[in-house]
Amino acid sequence: MISVIIGLIMLLSQLLTWAIVIEALLSWVPNYNETVYKIRRFLNKFTEPVTNPVRKLISPLTNRIMIDFTPVVAIILIEIVRNIIVRLLLMV
């Protein structure tokens, strides 16, 4: 049973990570294409609960830089949380 939960956690963290990566890459594409706009809007709804708090935390630190480091920091945090949860489940 624990292996199923761990597998689900791994799958969800990978999906969220890929969604953040794809959203970051699509942010460089203009919204002229409606399909791209719909994909970005969908991904934003999925990733927003993770990326918005991270963006609020790091924006005062990076407000002078033109690059948004939110996706990188969010992915690192996802990996840290995933590892902690998996290790705690393996202790049970």
Protein backbone atom coordinates (compact mmCIF):
# COMPACT_ATOMS: atom_id res chain seq x y z
CA MET A 1 0.00 0.00 0.00
CA ILE A 2 2.80 2.41 0.86
CA SER A 3 4.49 1.71 -2.48
CA VAL A 4 1.29 2.75 -4.28
CA ILE A 5 1.18 6.02 -2.32
CA ILE A 6 4.85 6.67 -3.01
CA GLY A 7 4.31 5.95 -6.71
CA LEU A 8 1.39 8.38 -6.77
CA ILE A 9 3.42 11.08 -5.03
CA MET A 10 6.27 10.56 -7.50
CA LEU A 11 3.87 10.75 -10.45
CA LEU A 12 2.16 13.92 -9.20
CA SER A 13 5.46 15.65 -8.48
CA GLN A 14 6.73 14.78 -11.97
CA LEU A 15 3.52 16.03 -13.59
CA LEU A 16 3.72 19.28 -11.66
CA THR A 17 7.40 19.70 -12.52
CA TRP A 18 6.77 19.14 -16.24
CA ALA A 19 3.79 21.50 -16.15
CA ILE A 20 6.00 24.22 -14.65
CA VAL A 21 8.72 23.61 -17.26
CA ILE A 22 6.25 23.68 -20.16
CA GLU A 23 4.56 26.80 -18.79
CA ALA A 24 7.94 28.52 -18.48
CA LEU A 25 8.87 27.61 -22.05
CA LEU A 26 5.49 28.74 -23.38
CA SER A 27 5.90 32.07 -21.62
CA TRP A 28 8.41 32.94 -24.35
CA VAL A 29 5.80 32.33 -27.06
CA PRO A 30 3.46 35.22 -27.91
CA ASN A 31 -0.23 34.64 -27.14
CA TYR A 32 -1.27 35.27 -30.73
CA ASN A 33 -2.10 31.61 -31.19
CA GLU A 34 -5.29 30.73 -29.32
CA THR A 35 -4.17 27.13 -28.78
CA VAL A 36 -1.01 28.28 -27.02
CA TYR A 37 -3.08 30.70 -24.93
CA LYS A 38 -5.47 27.91 -23.86
CA ILE A 39 -2.59 25.59 -22.97
CA ARG A 40 -0.89 28.30 -20.92
CA ARG A 41 -4.14 29.13 -19.13
CA PHE A 42 -4.71 25.45 -18.28
CA LEU A 43 -1.15 24.99 -17.05
CA ASN A 44 -1.37 28.19 -15.04
CA LYS A 45 -4.44 26.89 -13.18
CA PHE A 46 -2.55 23.70 -12.39
CA THR A 47 0.75 25.31 -11.33
CA GLU A 48 -0.50 28.55 -9.78
CA PRO A 49 -0.90 27.14 -6.23
CA VAL A 50 2.83 26.39 -6.22
CA THR A 51 4.32 29.18 -8.29
CA ASN A 52 2.42 32.19 -6.91
CA PRO A 53 3.61 31.82 -3.27
CA VAL A 54 7.15 31.26 -4.53
CA ARG A 55 6.89 34.31 -6.80
CA LYS A 56 5.69 36.44 -3.87
CA LEU A 57 8.62 35.29 -1.75
CA ILE A 58 11.39 35.81 -4.29
CA SER A 59 10.10 38.85 -6.20
CA PRO A 60 11.47 41.35 -3.66
CA LEU A 61 14.87 39.69 -4.04
CA THR A 62 14.85 39.59 -7.85
CA ASN A 63 12.87 42.70 -8.81
CA ARG A 64 15.85 44.25 -10.62
CA ILE A 65 16.57 41.14 -12.68
CA MET A 66 14.64 40.57 -15.91
CA ILE A 67 14.60 36.78 -15.45
CA ASP A 68 11.91 35.06 -13.39
CA PHE A 69 13.51 32.38 -11.25
CA THR A 70 10.16 31.22 -9.88
CA PRO A 71 10.01 28.00 -11.95
CA VAL A 72 13.48 26.92 -10.83
CA VAL A 73 12.81 27.62 -7.16
CA ALA A 74 9.37 25.95 -7.36
CA ILE A 75 10.84 22.80 -8.91
CA ILE A 76 13.56 22.64 -6.25
CA LEU A 77 10.92 23.00 -3.52
CA ILE A 78 8.75 20.31 -5.11
CA GLU A 79 11.70 17.93 -5.12
CA ILE A 80 12.58 18.70 -1.50
CA VAL A 81 8.99 18.20 -0.31
CA ARG A 82 8.66 15.01 -2.38
CA ASN A 83 11.85 13.56 -0.89
CA ILE A 84 10.76 14.41 2.65
CA ILE A 85 7.33 12.82 2.17
CA VAL A 86 8.76 9.69 0.56
CA ARG A 87 11.35 9.27 3.32
CA LEU A 88 8.67 9.71 6.00
CA LEU A 89 6.47 7.12 4.29
CA LEU A 90 9.36 4.67 4.07
CA MET A 91 9.87 4.97 7.83
CA VAL A 92 6.31 3.77 8.49
